[in-house]
Amino acid sequence: MTRQEIEEKVRNFLIEDLEIDEEKITDDAKLKDDMGIDSLDFVDIVVIVEKNFGFKIKPEEMAGVTTLHEFCDYIESKVA
């Protein structure tokens, strides 16, 4: 899976499943501060990522992930 495919899937589920405004979704957008993703949204993200990318997110691995770019880096490191 290419980086572009990962970013497209992530963008789609942020818009469709979490109902985040498309204009808020930028590479340097902070997941919590800019996009408003809270702990309940994170539970949904775990399920969506497992379904779309085939791996389980480990909370301790996500500790340093704050931006959308870092989140896509994390996914890319797991599916590469």
Protein backbone atom coordinates (compact mmCIF):
# COMPACT_ATOMS: atom_id res chain seq x y z
CA MET A 1 0.00 0.00 0.00
CA THR A 2 1.41 3.38 -0.98
CA ARG A 3 1.59 6.45 1.22
CA GLN A 4 -0.99 8.11 -1.02
CA GLU A 5 -3.43 5.19 -0.53
CA ILE A 6 -2.93 5.36 3.24
CA GLU A 7 -3.56 9.12 3.32
CA GLU A 8 -6.65 8.73 1.14
CA LYS A 9 -8.14 6.02 3.37
CA VAL A 10 -7.40 8.01 6.52
CA ARG A 11 -8.89 11.18 5.00
CA ASN A 12 -12.02 9.28 3.94
CA PHE A 13 -12.72 7.76 7.34
CA LEU A 14 -12.05 11.05 9.12
CA ILE A 15 -14.65 12.74 6.91
CA GLU A 16 -17.20 9.93 6.65
CA ASP A 17 -16.98 8.11 9.98
CA LEU A 18 -15.85 10.85 12.36
CA GLU A 19 -17.56 13.69 10.47
CA ILE A 20 -14.54 15.99 10.60
CA ASP A 21 -14.72 19.01 8.30
CA GLU A 22 -12.57 18.41 5.22
CA GLU A 23 -10.87 21.80 5.53
CA LYS A 24 -9.54 20.83 9.00
CA ILE A 25 -7.72 17.81 7.56
CA THR A 26 -4.18 18.90 6.77
CA ASP A 27 -0.82 17.18 7.23
CA ASP A 28 0.16 19.35 10.17
CA ALA A 29 -3.30 19.38 11.78
CA LYS A 30 -3.19 18.26 15.40
CA LEU A 31 -5.51 15.32 15.98
CA LYS A 32 -6.91 16.63 19.27
CA ASP A 33 -6.53 20.39 19.06
CA ASP A 34 -7.27 21.07 15.38
CA MET A 35 -9.56 18.19 14.44
CA GLY A 36 -11.24 17.71 17.82
CA ILE A 37 -10.58 13.97 18.06
CA ASP A 38 -11.33 12.85 21.62
CA SER A 39 -10.97 9.54 23.46
CA LEU A 40 -14.31 8.24 22.17
CA ASP A 41 -13.29 9.04 18.58
CA PHE A 42 -10.02 7.24 19.22
CA VAL A 43 -11.93 4.04 20.05
CA ASP A 44 -13.64 4.34 16.66
CA ILE A 45 -10.29 4.98 14.97
CA VAL A 46 -8.86 1.78 16.47
CA VAL A 47 -11.72 -0.25 14.98
CA ILE A 48 -11.55 1.54 11.61
CA VAL A 49 -7.77 1.13 11.30
CA GLU A 50 -8.02 -2.57 12.12
CA LYS A 51 -10.73 -3.00 9.48
CA ASN A 52 -9.00 -0.94 6.77
CA PHE A 53 -5.34 -1.70 7.39
CA GLY A 54 -5.36 -5.10 9.14
CA PHE A 55 -3.48 -4.33 12.37
CA LYS A 56 -4.33 -3.30 15.91
CA ILE A 57 -3.22 0.05 17.24
CA LYS A 58 -1.27 -0.19 20.47
CA PRO A 59 -2.00 2.85 22.64
CA GLU A 60 1.60 3.05 23.88
CA GLU A 61 2.81 3.31 20.27
CA MET A 62 0.44 6.21 19.64
CA ALA A 63 1.66 8.20 22.66
CA GLY A 64 3.87 10.54 20.63
CA VAL A 65 1.53 10.86 17.66
CA THR A 66 -0.04 14.31 17.64
CA THR A 67 -0.49 15.29 13.98
CA LEU A 68 -2.20 13.72 11.00
CA HIS A 69 1.19 13.35 9.27
CA GLU A 70 2.58 11.41 12.26
CA PHE A 71 -0.55 9.24 12.32
CA CYS A 72 -0.08 8.35 8.65
CA ASP A 73 3.63 7.67 9.35
CA TYR A 74 2.56 5.26 12.10
CA ILE A 75 0.14 3.43 9.81
CA GLU A 76 2.72 3.31 7.03
CA SER A 77 5.28 1.76 9.40
CA LYS A 78 2.80 -1.01 10.24
CA VAL A 79 1.64 -1.89 6.73
CA ALA A 80 4.96 -1.53 4.89
